[in-house]
Structure formats: structure tokens, C-alpha cells
């Protein structure tokens, strides 16, 4: 399932797997304050060591730090664009469209048209004309397409799934569900057929699990 997640998503699964692993260990194995603080310090230490020694990570961190609040410019030069400022523009327009249609949404068929219109009118960078950029956030997509009721319903379903895996004490399903929820912050997983199949499989494993089956 994790290999499948890496295939259908971008770099985010690597971060999500790391974060989910720490959360799983804390909740299921090392749940006390002293160990949580120690584990957090070790994780931060590893992060800063990698940041200081691993050049690709340094470059990526500098890109994010320098461009997190910057939009792509209107020129055609390639140095005007990078993955960070393009996403900044995506989330900016997604926020505007969601704000204007938060109650009932636009309907699935009109989401991309309105996002593309916002890219053109509010930002004007040509890179948004080269491809159709979706909301890159599954939660925002539900809000934009179907309104606040759908978003809250989906969040309630996720809460129910988390509650069930915690009751069952199933660390594997908790780990998988946490990875999915984190990746959905930057990817529209359930907007694609392969993502729907993946999420449906994970949700089915959770909904059909029981204490008796786990003990056996």
C-alpha cells in the first residue's frame, strides 16, 4: 500500500511516512511525555543534520523559505517559476474560490474552470496556461466542489476511521490512514481513479476490521 501511495503521489509520501511513523510509535508504544520530548528532539536533530549536510535538501528548503509567499511572475523565463511559488498561487486561488463558494460549492465539473480563471485574472503567470492545476489539496477540493457539508462529512468519516483503529489498537491501519490524511494536504488523491481505488481499499480494511479478526 505504501509503495502504491508513492506511485500515485509526489514527494509528500516520504514526509508523511516519516511523520506517521513517529506518531504511531508515540501512540502505540511510547506514550509518555518524557519519551515524546526525547523522540521530538532526536527527530529535530536528524532534520538539522540532514539540512546541513544534504545539498538537495538545502536547496529545497531555501526554495520554500524564499518563495512561500511569492507568486510566479508574468514573464516567460524559466527562473520565474518553481514548484513552491506555483503551489503558492494554487493555494491562493483555491482559497479565493473556496471562500466565494463555501456553502454549496461549484459542482465537480466547474472547479477547474474557475481555478484557471483565477490563475489568469489574479496572478497572470503563463505557467498556469501550460497545464490544468487543480487545488492540490483534497480537503479544499471537497469544499470548492460540494460545499462545507461535504467537507465536514468527509472529516467526520476520517474521524470515525481513526477512532476505530485506535479502539482496535491496529497500528498498521493507523499508520496507513495517517499517511493518506497527510498526503491529501498536498494532493487530490480521491479525484483520480487510482486514488479512489487506493482510499477505498484502505477504508474497507478499516471498516471491516474487528477485534476478533485481529486477535485471530
N, C-alpha and C. Protein backbone atom coordinates (compact mmCIF):
# COMPACT_ATOMS: atom_id res chain seq x y z
N UNK A 1 0.82 -1.21 0.00
CA UNK A 1 0.00 0.00 0.00
C UNK A 1 0.86 1.26 0.00
N UNK A 2 1.98 1.23 0.75
CA UNK A 2 2.84 2.41 0.79
C UNK A 2 3.56 2.61 -0.54
N UNK A 3 3.97 1.50 -1.17
CA UNK A 3 4.57 1.60 -2.49
C UNK A 3 3.57 2.16 -3.49
N UNK A 4 2.32 1.73 -3.37
CA UNK A 4 1.23 2.23 -4.22
C UNK A 4 1.05 3.73 -4.01
N UNK A 5 1.10 4.17 -2.74
CA UNK A 5 0.97 5.59 -2.44
C UNK A 5 2.08 6.41 -3.09
N UNK A 6 3.31 5.90 -3.05
CA UNK A 6 4.43 6.61 -3.67
C UNK A 6 4.21 6.73 -5.18
N UNK A 7 3.63 5.69 -5.79
CA UNK A 7 3.39 5.71 -7.23
C UNK A 7 2.36 6.75 -7.63
N UNK A 8 1.29 6.91 -6.85
CA UNK A 8 0.20 7.79 -7.26
C UNK A 8 0.36 9.20 -6.74
N UNK A 9 1.41 9.46 -5.96
CA UNK A 9 1.59 10.80 -5.40
C UNK A 9 2.99 11.30 -5.73
N UNK A 10 3.36 12.46 -5.16
CA UNK A 10 4.67 13.03 -5.42
C UNK A 10 5.59 12.79 -4.23
N UNK A 11 6.42 13.75 -3.85
CA UNK A 11 7.39 13.54 -2.78
C UNK A 11 6.76 13.51 -1.39
N UNK A 12 5.55 13.98 -1.26
CA UNK A 12 4.93 14.10 0.04
C UNK A 12 4.85 12.78 0.82
N UNK A 13 4.66 11.61 0.17
CA UNK A 13 4.61 10.37 0.95
C UNK A 13 5.84 10.12 1.80
N UNK A 14 7.02 10.54 1.33
CA UNK A 14 8.23 10.33 2.12
C UNK A 14 8.16 11.09 3.44
N UNK A 15 7.67 12.32 3.39
CA UNK A 15 7.50 13.11 4.62
C UNK A 15 6.38 12.51 5.46
N UNK A 16 5.29 12.13 4.80
CA UNK A 16 4.13 11.59 5.53
C UNK A 16 4.48 10.28 6.23
N UNK A 17 5.23 9.42 5.56
CA UNK A 17 5.61 8.14 6.16
C UNK A 17 6.46 8.37 7.40
N UNK A 18 7.37 9.34 7.33
CA UNK A 18 8.22 9.66 8.49
C UNK A 18 7.38 10.18 9.65
N UNK A 19 6.49 11.14 9.36
CA UNK A 19 5.65 11.72 10.42
C UNK A 19 4.71 10.66 10.99
N UNK A 20 4.09 9.88 10.12
CA UNK A 20 3.16 8.85 10.58
C UNK A 20 3.86 7.80 11.42
N UNK A 21 5.10 7.47 11.06
CA UNK A 21 5.86 6.50 11.85
C UNK A 21 6.10 6.99 13.26
N UNK A 22 6.47 8.26 13.41
CA UNK A 22 6.69 8.83 14.73
C UNK A 22 5.40 8.84 15.54
N UNK A 23 4.30 9.27 14.90
CA UNK A 23 3.01 9.31 15.59
C UNK A 23 2.57 7.92 16.05
N UNK A 24 2.79 6.93 15.18
CA UNK A 24 2.39 5.56 15.53
C UNK A 24 3.19 5.04 16.71
N UNK A 25 4.49 5.26 16.70
CA UNK A 25 5.32 4.81 17.81
C UNK A 25 4.91 5.48 19.12
N UNK A 26 4.63 6.78 19.05
CA UNK A 26 4.24 7.50 20.26
C UNK A 26 2.93 6.98 20.82
N UNK A 27 1.94 6.82 19.95
CA UNK A 27 0.60 6.44 20.41
C UNK A 27 0.53 4.98 20.85
N UNK A 28 1.19 4.09 20.11
CA UNK A 28 1.02 2.66 20.39
C UNK A 28 2.14 2.05 21.22
N UNK A 29 3.30 2.73 21.34
CA UNK A 29 4.41 2.08 22.03
C UNK A 29 5.06 2.94 23.11
N UNK A 30 5.17 4.22 22.89
CA UNK A 30 5.96 5.06 23.79
C UNK A 30 5.16 6.26 24.28
N UNK A 31 3.95 6.02 24.70
CA UNK A 31 3.09 7.15 25.03
C UNK A 31 3.34 7.64 26.47
N UNK A 32 4.41 8.44 26.63
CA UNK A 32 4.61 9.21 27.85
C UNK A 32 5.39 10.46 27.50
N UNK A 33 5.26 11.48 28.32
CA UNK A 33 5.77 12.81 27.98
C UNK A 33 7.27 12.82 27.78
N UNK A 34 8.01 12.14 28.65
CA UNK A 34 9.48 12.18 28.55
C UNK A 34 9.96 11.57 27.24
N UNK A 35 9.39 10.44 26.86
CA UNK A 35 9.80 9.80 25.61
C UNK A 35 9.35 10.61 24.40
N UNK A 36 8.19 11.25 24.49
CA UNK A 36 7.74 12.10 23.39
C UNK A 36 8.70 13.26 23.16
N UNK A 37 9.14 13.89 24.26
CA UNK A 37 10.08 15.00 24.14
C UNK A 37 11.41 14.52 23.57
N UNK A 38 11.88 13.37 24.06
CA UNK A 38 13.15 12.82 23.57
C UNK A 38 13.06 12.48 22.09
N UNK A 39 11.96 11.85 21.69
CA UNK A 39 11.78 11.49 20.29
C UNK A 39 11.69 12.73 19.41
N UNK A 40 11.01 13.78 19.92
CA UNK A 40 10.92 15.02 19.17
C UNK A 40 12.27 15.68 18.99
N UNK A 41 13.10 15.67 20.04
CA UNK A 41 14.45 16.25 19.96
C UNK A 41 15.33 15.48 18.99
N UNK A 42 15.24 14.16 19.03
CA UNK A 42 16.02 13.34 18.09
C UNK A 42 15.60 13.61 16.66
N UNK A 43 14.30 13.73 16.43
CA UNK A 43 13.80 13.99 15.08
C UNK A 43 14.28 15.35 14.57
N UNK A 44 14.19 16.38 15.43
CA UNK A 44 14.68 17.70 15.04
C UNK A 44 16.16 17.68 14.78
N UNK A 45 16.91 16.95 15.60
CA UNK A 45 18.35 16.84 15.40
C UNK A 45 18.68 16.21 14.06
N UNK A 46 17.98 15.12 13.73
CA UNK A 46 18.20 14.46 12.43
C UNK A 46 17.86 15.40 11.28
N UNK A 47 16.78 16.17 11.44
CA UNK A 47 16.38 17.11 10.39
C UNK A 47 17.47 18.15 10.14
N UNK A 48 18.01 18.74 11.21
CA UNK A 48 19.01 19.79 11.05
C UNK A 48 20.34 19.23 10.54
N UNK A 49 20.66 18.00 10.91
CA UNK A 49 21.87 17.37 10.38
C UNK A 49 21.75 17.15 8.88
N UNK A 50 20.59 16.64 8.46
CA UNK A 50 20.35 16.45 7.02
C UNK A 50 20.35 17.79 6.29
N UNK A 51 19.76 18.80 6.92
CA UNK A 51 19.69 20.12 6.30
C UNK A 51 21.08 20.71 6.11
N UNK A 52 21.98 20.43 7.03
CA UNK A 52 23.33 20.98 6.96
C UNK A 52 24.25 20.19 6.04
N UNK A 53 23.94 18.91 5.79
CA UNK A 53 24.87 18.06 5.05
C UNK A 53 24.36 17.60 3.69
N UNK A 54 23.05 17.62 3.49
CA UNK A 54 22.46 17.07 2.26
C UNK A 54 22.07 18.22 1.35
N UNK A 55 22.83 18.41 0.28
CA UNK A 55 22.67 19.58 -0.60
C UNK A 55 21.28 19.67 -1.23
N UNK A 56 20.71 18.59 -1.79
CA UNK A 56 19.35 18.72 -2.36
C UNK A 56 18.32 19.19 -1.35
N UNK A 57 18.45 18.75 -0.10
CA UNK A 57 17.52 19.19 0.93
C UNK A 57 17.72 20.66 1.25
N UNK A 58 18.98 21.12 1.26
CA UNK A 58 19.25 22.54 1.47
C UNK A 58 18.61 23.39 0.39
N UNK A 59 18.80 22.96 -0.87
CA UNK A 59 18.24 23.71 -1.99
C UNK A 59 16.72 23.79 -1.91
N UNK A 60 16.10 22.66 -1.57
CA UNK A 60 14.63 22.63 -1.48
C UNK A 60 14.15 23.52 -0.33
N UNK A 61 14.82 23.47 0.80
CA UNK A 61 14.42 24.27 1.94
C UNK A 61 14.55 25.76 1.63
N UNK A 62 15.64 26.15 0.97
CA UNK A 62 15.83 27.55 0.60
C UNK A 62 14.76 28.00 -0.38
N UNK A 63 14.40 27.11 -1.32
CA UNK A 63 13.34 27.45 -2.28
C UNK A 63 12.03 27.71 -1.57
N UNK A 64 11.67 26.84 -0.64
CA UNK A 64 10.42 27.01 0.11
C UNK A 64 10.47 28.28 0.94
N UNK A 65 11.58 28.51 1.64
CA UNK A 65 11.72 29.67 2.52
C UNK A 65 11.63 30.98 1.74
N UNK A 66 12.22 31.00 0.54
CA UNK A 66 12.28 32.23 -0.25
C UNK A 66 11.01 32.48 -1.07
N UNK A 67 10.21 31.44 -1.31
CA UNK A 67 9.09 31.59 -2.25
C UNK A 67 7.73 31.26 -1.68
N UNK A 68 7.65 31.01 -0.37
CA UNK A 68 6.39 30.55 0.19
C UNK A 68 5.28 31.59 0.08
N UNK A 69 5.65 32.89 0.03
CA UNK A 69 4.64 33.95 -0.09
C UNK A 69 4.80 34.72 -1.41
N UNK A 70 5.44 34.09 -2.40
CA UNK A 70 5.72 34.75 -3.68
C UNK A 70 4.98 34.03 -4.79
N UNK A 71 4.34 34.80 -5.68
CA UNK A 71 3.66 34.22 -6.83
C UNK A 71 4.61 34.17 -8.03
N UNK A 72 4.39 33.25 -8.97
CA UNK A 72 5.15 33.27 -10.22
C UNK A 72 4.93 34.60 -10.95
N UNK A 73 5.94 35.08 -11.64
CA UNK A 73 5.80 36.34 -12.37
C UNK A 73 5.18 36.10 -13.74
N UNK A 74 4.89 37.18 -14.44
CA UNK A 74 4.19 37.06 -15.72
C UNK A 74 5.12 36.80 -16.90
N UNK A 75 6.43 36.79 -16.66
CA UNK A 75 7.36 36.57 -17.76
C UNK A 75 7.40 35.12 -18.21
N UNK A 76 8.15 34.88 -19.29
CA UNK A 76 8.27 33.54 -19.85
C UNK A 76 9.53 32.82 -19.40
N UNK A 77 10.44 33.52 -18.72
CA UNK A 77 11.71 32.92 -18.34
C UNK A 77 11.49 31.83 -17.30
N UNK A 78 12.25 30.74 -17.42
CA UNK A 78 12.04 29.59 -16.57
C UNK A 78 12.36 29.89 -15.12
N UNK A 79 13.28 30.83 -14.86
CA UNK A 79 13.65 31.11 -13.48
C UNK A 79 12.55 31.85 -12.72
N UNK A 80 11.52 32.26 -13.41
CA UNK A 80 10.39 32.88 -12.73
C UNK A 80 9.50 31.86 -12.02
N UNK A 81 9.71 30.57 -12.26
CA UNK A 81 8.80 29.55 -11.74
C UNK A 81 9.58 28.49 -10.98
N UNK A 82 9.01 28.00 -9.93
CA UNK A 82 9.48 26.80 -9.25
C UNK A 82 8.27 26.15 -8.58
N UNK A 83 8.47 24.97 -8.07
CA UNK A 83 7.33 24.21 -7.54
C UNK A 83 6.69 24.90 -6.34
N UNK A 84 7.48 25.68 -5.59
CA UNK A 84 6.94 26.33 -4.39
C UNK A 84 6.04 27.51 -4.75
N UNK A 85 6.54 28.43 -5.59
CA UNK A 85 5.70 29.60 -5.87
C UNK A 85 4.51 29.25 -6.75
N UNK A 86 4.64 28.20 -7.56
CA UNK A 86 3.46 27.74 -8.32
C UNK A 86 2.39 27.23 -7.37
N UNK A 87 2.79 26.47 -6.36
CA UNK A 87 1.83 25.98 -5.37
C UNK A 87 1.26 27.13 -4.54
N UNK A 88 2.07 28.13 -4.26
CA UNK A 88 1.56 29.29 -3.53
C UNK A 88 0.40 29.92 -4.29
N UNK A 89 0.57 30.07 -5.60
CA UNK A 89 -0.51 30.61 -6.42
C UNK A 89 -1.72 29.70 -6.45
N UNK A 90 -1.47 28.39 -6.47
CA UNK A 90 -2.58 27.42 -6.49
C UNK A 90 -3.41 27.54 -5.21
N UNK A 91 -2.74 27.59 -4.06
CA UNK A 91 -3.47 27.67 -2.79
C UNK A 91 -4.14 29.03 -2.61
N UNK A 92 -3.53 30.06 -3.17
CA UNK A 92 -4.14 31.39 -3.10
C UNK A 92 -5.47 31.41 -3.85
N UNK A 93 -5.46 30.90 -5.08
CA UNK A 93 -6.69 30.88 -5.87
C UNK A 93 -7.70 29.87 -5.32
N UNK A 94 -7.21 28.74 -4.82
CA UNK A 94 -8.12 27.77 -4.21
C UNK A 94 -8.83 28.38 -3.02
N UNK A 95 -8.09 29.17 -2.23
CA UNK A 95 -8.70 29.84 -1.09
C UNK A 95 -9.76 30.85 -1.50
N UNK A 96 -9.46 31.61 -2.57
CA UNK A 96 -10.44 32.60 -3.06
C UNK A 96 -11.70 31.91 -3.55
N UNK A 97 -11.55 30.87 -4.38
CA UNK A 97 -12.71 30.17 -4.93
C UNK A 97 -13.50 29.49 -3.81
N UNK A 98 -12.79 28.91 -2.83
CA UNK A 98 -13.47 28.27 -1.70
C UNK A 98 -14.23 29.29 -0.86
N UNK A 99 -13.63 30.45 -0.66
CA UNK A 99 -14.30 31.50 0.11
C UNK A 99 -15.59 31.96 -0.54
N UNK A 100 -15.58 32.03 -1.86
CA UNK A 100 -16.76 32.52 -2.59
C UNK A 100 -17.84 31.46 -2.77
N UNK A 101 -17.49 30.20 -2.56
CA UNK A 101 -18.46 29.13 -2.83
C UNK A 101 -18.48 28.09 -1.71
N UNK A 102 -18.25 28.51 -0.48
CA UNK A 102 -18.08 27.57 0.63
C UNK A 102 -19.38 26.88 1.04
N UNK A 103 -20.52 27.47 0.75
CA UNK A 103 -21.76 26.92 1.26
C UNK A 103 -22.22 25.70 0.47
N UNK A 104 -22.37 25.85 -0.85
CA UNK A 104 -22.87 24.75 -1.67
C UNK A 104 -21.83 24.24 -2.67
N UNK A 105 -20.75 24.96 -2.88
CA UNK A 105 -19.75 24.53 -3.84
C UNK A 105 -20.15 24.85 -5.27
N UNK A 106 -19.24 24.56 -6.18
CA UNK A 106 -19.46 24.85 -7.60
C UNK A 106 -19.97 23.66 -8.39
N UNK A 107 -19.82 22.48 -7.84
CA UNK A 107 -20.04 21.27 -8.63
C UNK A 107 -18.71 20.81 -9.20
N UNK A 108 -18.51 19.51 -9.27
CA UNK A 108 -17.22 18.96 -9.68
C UNK A 108 -16.80 19.46 -11.06
N UNK A 109 -17.74 19.56 -11.98
CA UNK A 109 -17.40 19.92 -13.35
C UNK A 109 -16.93 21.35 -13.54
N UNK A 110 -17.23 22.24 -12.59
CA UNK A 110 -16.88 23.66 -12.75
C UNK A 110 -15.67 24.08 -11.93
N UNK A 111 -15.09 23.18 -11.17
CA UNK A 111 -13.98 23.55 -10.28
C UNK A 111 -12.78 24.02 -11.07
N UNK A 112 -12.33 23.21 -12.05
CA UNK A 112 -11.11 23.54 -12.77
C UNK A 112 -11.26 24.82 -13.58
N UNK A 113 -12.41 25.03 -14.17
CA UNK A 113 -12.64 26.25 -14.95
C UNK A 113 -12.50 27.50 -14.08
N UNK A 114 -13.05 27.47 -12.89
CA UNK A 114 -12.97 28.62 -12.00
C UNK A 114 -11.57 28.82 -11.45
N UNK A 115 -10.86 27.74 -11.17
CA UNK A 115 -9.48 27.87 -10.72
C UNK A 115 -8.60 28.47 -11.82
N UNK A 116 -8.76 27.98 -13.05
CA UNK A 116 -7.98 28.50 -14.17
C UNK A 116 -8.28 29.98 -14.42
N UNK A 117 -9.53 30.36 -14.26
CA UNK A 117 -9.91 31.77 -14.42
C UNK A 117 -9.23 32.64 -13.36
N UNK A 118 -9.16 32.14 -12.14
CA UNK A 118 -8.50 32.87 -11.07
C UNK A 118 -7.00 32.99 -11.33
N UNK A 119 -6.37 31.90 -11.79
CA UNK A 119 -4.94 31.97 -12.11
C UNK A 119 -4.67 33.06 -13.14
N UNK A 120 -5.54 33.15 -14.13
CA UNK A 120 -5.35 34.11 -15.21
C UNK A 120 -5.61 35.55 -14.74
N UNK A 121 -6.66 35.76 -13.96
CA UNK A 121 -7.06 37.11 -13.57
C UNK A 121 -6.30 37.64 -12.36
N UNK A 122 -6.03 36.79 -11.38
CA UNK A 122 -5.41 37.24 -10.13
C UNK A 122 -3.89 37.18 -10.15
N UNK A 123 -3.32 36.24 -10.93
CA UNK A 123 -1.87 36.06 -10.93
C UNK A 123 -1.28 36.40 -12.30
N UNK A 124 -1.83 35.82 -13.34
CA UNK A 124 -1.40 36.16 -14.70
C UNK A 124 -0.15 35.47 -15.18
N UNK A 125 0.43 34.56 -14.41
CA UNK A 125 1.64 33.86 -14.85
C UNK A 125 1.30 32.86 -15.94
N UNK A 126 2.15 32.80 -16.96
CA UNK A 126 1.86 31.96 -18.11
C UNK A 126 1.95 30.47 -17.79
N UNK A 127 2.67 30.13 -16.73
CA UNK A 127 2.81 28.71 -16.42
C UNK A 127 1.47 28.06 -16.14
N UNK A 128 0.50 28.81 -15.65
CA UNK A 128 -0.81 28.24 -15.36
C UNK A 128 -1.61 27.98 -16.63
N UNK A 129 -1.12 28.49 -17.77
CA UNK A 129 -1.76 28.21 -19.05
C UNK A 129 -1.18 26.96 -19.71
N UNK A 130 -0.06 26.48 -19.20
CA UNK A 130 0.59 25.31 -19.79
C UNK A 130 -0.04 24.00 -19.34
N UNK A 131 -0.75 24.05 -18.23
CA UNK A 131 -1.34 22.83 -17.68
C UNK A 131 -2.53 23.21 -16.81
N UNK A 132 -3.40 22.25 -16.56
CA UNK A 132 -4.52 22.47 -15.65
C UNK A 132 -4.07 22.10 -14.23
N UNK A 133 -3.99 23.10 -13.37
CA UNK A 133 -3.55 22.87 -11.99
C UNK A 133 -4.78 22.81 -11.09
N UNK A 134 -4.98 21.65 -10.46
CA UNK A 134 -6.11 21.52 -9.54
C UNK A 134 -5.75 22.14 -8.18
N UNK A 135 -6.59 21.92 -7.19
CA UNK A 135 -6.41 22.59 -5.89
C UNK A 135 -5.22 22.04 -5.10
N UNK A 136 -4.71 20.86 -5.48
CA UNK A 136 -3.59 20.22 -4.78
C UNK A 136 -3.85 20.11 -3.27
N UNK A 137 -5.09 19.92 -2.91
CA UNK A 137 -5.49 19.69 -1.53
C UNK A 137 -6.87 19.06 -1.57
N UNK A 138 -6.97 17.82 -1.11
CA UNK A 138 -8.24 17.09 -1.22
C UNK A 138 -9.34 17.73 -0.40
N UNK A 139 -9.00 18.28 0.74
CA UNK A 139 -10.00 18.91 1.60
C UNK A 139 -10.56 20.18 0.96
N UNK A 140 -9.67 20.98 0.37
CA UNK A 140 -10.12 22.17 -0.35
C UNK A 140 -10.98 21.80 -1.55
N UNK A 141 -10.62 20.70 -2.21
CA UNK A 141 -11.41 20.28 -3.38
C UNK A 141 -12.84 19.95 -2.98
N UNK A 142 -13.02 19.24 -1.87
CA UNK A 142 -14.38 18.93 -1.42
C UNK A 142 -15.14 20.21 -1.09
N UNK A 143 -14.46 21.18 -0.46
CA UNK A 143 -15.12 22.44 -0.11
C UNK A 143 -15.52 23.21 -1.36
N UNK A 144 -14.61 23.27 -2.34
CA UNK A 144 -14.90 24.02 -3.57
C UNK A 144 -15.97 23.34 -4.41
N UNK A 145 -15.91 22.04 -4.51
CA UNK A 145 -16.81 21.33 -5.41
C UNK A 145 -18.20 21.10 -4.82
N UNK A 146 -18.27 20.83 -3.50
CA UNK A 146 -19.56 20.43 -2.93
C UNK A 146 -19.96 21.16 -1.67
N UNK A 147 -19.15 22.07 -1.20
CA UNK A 147 -19.54 22.89 -0.06
C UNK A 147 -19.12 22.35 1.29
N UNK A 148 -19.45 23.10 2.32
CA UNK A 148 -18.99 22.83 3.68
C UNK A 148 -19.57 21.54 4.23
N UNK A 149 -20.81 21.19 3.85
CA UNK A 149 -21.43 19.97 4.38
C UNK A 149 -20.64 18.73 3.95
N UNK A 150 -20.24 18.70 2.68
CA UNK A 150 -19.47 17.57 2.18
C UNK A 150 -18.11 17.48 2.87
N UNK A 151 -17.45 18.62 3.04
CA UNK A 151 -16.15 18.63 3.71
C UNK A 151 -16.28 18.11 5.15
N UNK A 152 -17.27 18.60 5.87
CA UNK A 152 -17.47 18.16 7.26
C UNK A 152 -17.83 16.67 7.32
N UNK A 153 -18.61 16.20 6.35
CA UNK A 153 -18.97 14.78 6.31
C UNK A 153 -17.74 13.92 6.09
N UNK A 154 -16.87 14.36 5.19
CA UNK A 154 -15.64 13.61 4.93
C UNK A 154 -14.74 13.60 6.16
N UNK A 155 -14.62 14.75 6.83
CA UNK A 155 -13.80 14.82 8.04
C UNK A 155 -14.37 13.94 9.15
N UNK A 156 -15.69 13.89 9.26
CA UNK A 156 -16.32 13.02 10.25
C UNK A 156 -16.04 11.55 9.94
N UNK A 157 -16.05 11.20 8.66
CA UNK A 157 -15.73 9.83 8.27
C UNK A 157 -14.29 9.48 8.65
N UNK A 158 -13.37 10.41 8.39
CA UNK A 158 -11.97 10.18 8.77
C UNK A 158 -11.83 10.04 10.28
N UNK A 159 -12.56 10.88 11.02
CA UNK A 159 -12.52 10.80 12.48
C UNK A 159 -13.03 9.44 12.95
N UNK A 160 -14.10 8.95 12.33
CA UNK A 160 -14.64 7.64 12.69
C UNK A 160 -13.60 6.55 12.41
N UNK A 161 -12.91 6.64 11.27
CA UNK A 161 -11.90 5.65 10.94
C UNK A 161 -10.75 5.67 11.95
N UNK A 162 -10.30 6.87 12.31
CA UNK A 162 -9.23 6.97 13.31
C UNK A 162 -9.69 6.40 14.65
N UNK A 163 -10.91 6.73 15.04
CA UNK A 163 -11.44 6.24 16.31
C UNK A 163 -11.49 4.71 16.32
N UNK A 164 -11.88 4.13 15.19
CA UNK A 164 -11.99 2.67 15.14
C UNK A 164 -10.63 2.00 15.22
N UNK A 165 -9.63 2.51 14.48
CA UNK A 165 -8.31 1.86 14.51
C UNK A 165 -7.65 2.04 15.88
N UNK A 166 -7.96 3.13 16.57
CA UNK A 166 -7.43 3.31 17.92
C UNK A 166 -8.09 2.34 18.90
N UNK A 167 -9.39 2.14 18.76
CA UNK A 167 -10.09 1.17 19.60
C UNK A 167 -9.56 -0.24 19.34
N UNK A 168 -9.31 -0.55 18.06
CA UNK A 168 -8.80 -1.87 17.70
C UNK A 168 -7.32 -2.03 18.02
N UNK A 169 -6.65 -0.92 18.32
CA UNK A 169 -5.20 -0.92 18.57
C UNK A 169 -4.44 -1.49 17.38
N UNK A 170 -4.89 -1.13 16.20
CA UNK A 170 -4.25 -1.62 14.97
C UNK A 170 -3.29 -0.56 14.46
N UNK A 171 -2.01 -0.73 14.75
CA UNK A 171 -1.01 0.28 14.39
C UNK A 171 -0.79 0.37 12.88
N UNK A 172 -0.97 -0.76 12.17
CA UNK A 172 -0.73 -0.74 10.72
C UNK A 172 -1.78 0.11 9.99
N UNK A 173 -3.05 -0.08 10.35
CA UNK A 173 -4.10 0.71 9.72
C UNK A 173 -4.02 2.17 10.15
N UNK A 174 -3.66 2.42 11.39
CA UNK A 174 -3.47 3.79 11.85
C UNK A 174 -2.37 4.47 11.04
N UNK A 175 -1.29 3.75 10.82
CA UNK A 175 -0.16 4.27 10.04
C UNK A 175 -0.59 4.61 8.62
N UNK A 176 -1.30 3.67 7.97
CA UNK A 176 -1.74 3.89 6.59
C UNK A 176 -2.69 5.07 6.49
N UNK A 177 -3.65 5.16 7.43
CA UNK A 177 -4.64 6.25 7.39
C UNK A 177 -3.97 7.60 7.65
N UNK A 178 -3.00 7.65 8.54
CA UNK A 178 -2.28 8.90 8.81
C UNK A 178 -1.52 9.36 7.58
N UNK A 179 -0.86 8.44 6.90
CA UNK A 179 -0.14 8.79 5.66
C UNK A 179 -1.10 9.38 4.64
N UNK A 180 -2.25 8.75 4.46
CA UNK A 180 -3.24 9.22 3.49
C UNK A 180 -3.71 10.63 3.84
N UNK A 181 -4.04 10.87 5.11
CA UNK A 181 -4.55 12.19 5.52
C UNK A 181 -3.51 13.28 5.33
N UNK A 182 -2.24 12.97 5.57
CA UNK A 182 -1.18 13.96 5.38
C UNK A 182 -0.96 14.24 3.91
N UNK A 183 -0.93 13.18 3.09
CA UNK A 183 -0.72 13.36 1.65
C UNK A 183 -1.86 14.16 1.03
N UNK A 184 -3.08 14.00 1.55
CA UNK A 184 -4.21 14.74 1.00
C UNK A 184 -4.10 16.25 1.24
N UNK A 185 -3.17 16.68 2.09
CA UNK A 185 -2.93 18.11 2.25
C UNK A 185 -2.29 18.73 1.02
N UNK A 186 -1.62 17.91 0.21
CA UNK A 186 -0.93 18.45 -0.97
C UNK A 186 -1.32 17.76 -2.27
N UNK A 187 -2.19 16.74 -2.20
CA UNK A 187 -2.57 16.00 -3.40
C UNK A 187 -4.07 15.76 -3.42
N UNK A 188 -4.66 15.78 -4.61
CA UNK A 188 -6.07 15.42 -4.79
C UNK A 188 -6.16 13.92 -5.08
N UNK A 189 -5.95 13.12 -4.07
CA UNK A 189 -5.90 11.68 -4.27
C UNK A 189 -7.23 11.11 -4.75
N UNK A 190 -8.32 11.52 -4.11
CA UNK A 190 -9.62 10.92 -4.41
C UNK A 190 -10.26 11.53 -5.65
N UNK A 191 -9.56 12.43 -6.30
CA UNK A 191 -10.06 12.99 -7.56
C UNK A 191 -9.63 12.16 -8.76
N UNK A 192 -8.84 11.12 -8.52
CA UNK A 192 -8.36 10.25 -9.60
C UNK A 192 -8.81 8.83 -9.34
N UNK A 193 -8.96 8.06 -10.39
CA UNK A 193 -9.48 6.69 -10.25
C UNK A 193 -8.53 5.82 -9.44
N UNK A 194 -7.21 5.94 -9.66
CA UNK A 194 -6.28 5.12 -8.89
C UNK A 194 -6.30 5.51 -7.42
N UNK A 195 -6.48 6.80 -7.13
CA UNK A 195 -6.57 7.25 -5.75
C UNK A 195 -7.84 6.78 -5.07
N UNK A 196 -8.94 6.79 -5.81
CA UNK A 196 -10.22 6.30 -5.25
C UNK A 196 -10.10 4.82 -4.89
N UNK A 197 -9.47 4.05 -5.78
CA UNK A 197 -9.29 2.62 -5.51
C UNK A 197 -8.41 2.41 -4.28
N UNK A 198 -7.34 3.18 -4.17
CA UNK A 198 -6.44 3.06 -3.02
C UNK A 198 -7.15 3.43 -1.73
N UNK A 199 -7.83 4.59 -1.71
CA UNK A 199 -8.52 5.02 -0.50
C UNK A 199 -9.65 4.06 -0.15
N UNK A 200 -10.35 3.57 -1.16
CA UNK A 200 -11.44 2.62 -0.92
C UNK A 200 -10.93 1.33 -0.29
N UNK A 201 -9.78 0.86 -0.73
CA UNK A 201 -9.20 -0.35 -0.15
C UNK A 201 -8.84 -0.12 1.31
N UNK A 202 -8.19 0.98 1.60
CA UNK A 202 -7.79 1.29 2.98
C UNK A 202 -9.02 1.43 3.87
N UNK A 203 -10.02 2.19 3.40
CA UNK A 203 -11.23 2.38 4.19
C UNK A 203 -11.96 1.06 4.43
N UNK A 204 -11.98 0.18 3.43
CA UNK A 204 -12.64 -1.12 3.57
C UNK A 204 -11.94 -1.97 4.62
N UNK A 205 -10.61 -1.95 4.62
CA UNK A 205 -9.86 -2.71 5.63
C UNK A 205 -10.19 -2.22 7.04
N UNK A 206 -10.37 -0.90 7.17
CA UNK A 206 -10.70 -0.34 8.48
C UNK A 206 -12.12 -0.69 8.89
N UNK A 207 -13.07 -0.49 7.98
CA UNK A 207 -14.49 -0.68 8.31
C UNK A 207 -14.83 -2.15 8.55
N UNK A 208 -14.11 -3.06 7.90
CA UNK A 208 -14.40 -4.49 8.04
C UNK A 208 -13.57 -5.16 9.13
N UNK A 209 -12.69 -4.40 9.78
CA UNK A 209 -11.85 -4.99 10.83
C UNK A 209 -12.66 -5.12 12.12
N UNK A 210 -12.26 -6.09 12.93
CA UNK A 210 -12.87 -6.27 14.24
C UNK A 210 -11.83 -6.82 15.20
N UNK A 211 -12.07 -6.72 16.49
CA UNK A 211 -11.11 -7.22 17.48
C UNK A 211 -10.90 -8.72 17.34
N UNK A 212 -11.98 -9.45 17.06
CA UNK A 212 -11.86 -10.90 16.94
C UNK A 212 -10.96 -11.29 15.77
N UNK A 213 -11.14 -10.58 14.63
CA UNK A 213 -10.32 -10.90 13.46
C UNK A 213 -8.86 -10.57 13.72
N UNK A 214 -8.60 -9.46 14.44
CA UNK A 214 -7.23 -9.07 14.72
C UNK A 214 -6.57 -10.07 15.66
N UNK A 215 -7.30 -10.52 16.68
CA UNK A 215 -6.74 -11.48 17.64
C UNK A 215 -6.45 -12.81 16.96
N UNK A 216 -7.29 -13.23 16.03
CA UNK A 216 -7.04 -14.47 15.31
C UNK A 216 -5.81 -14.34 14.44
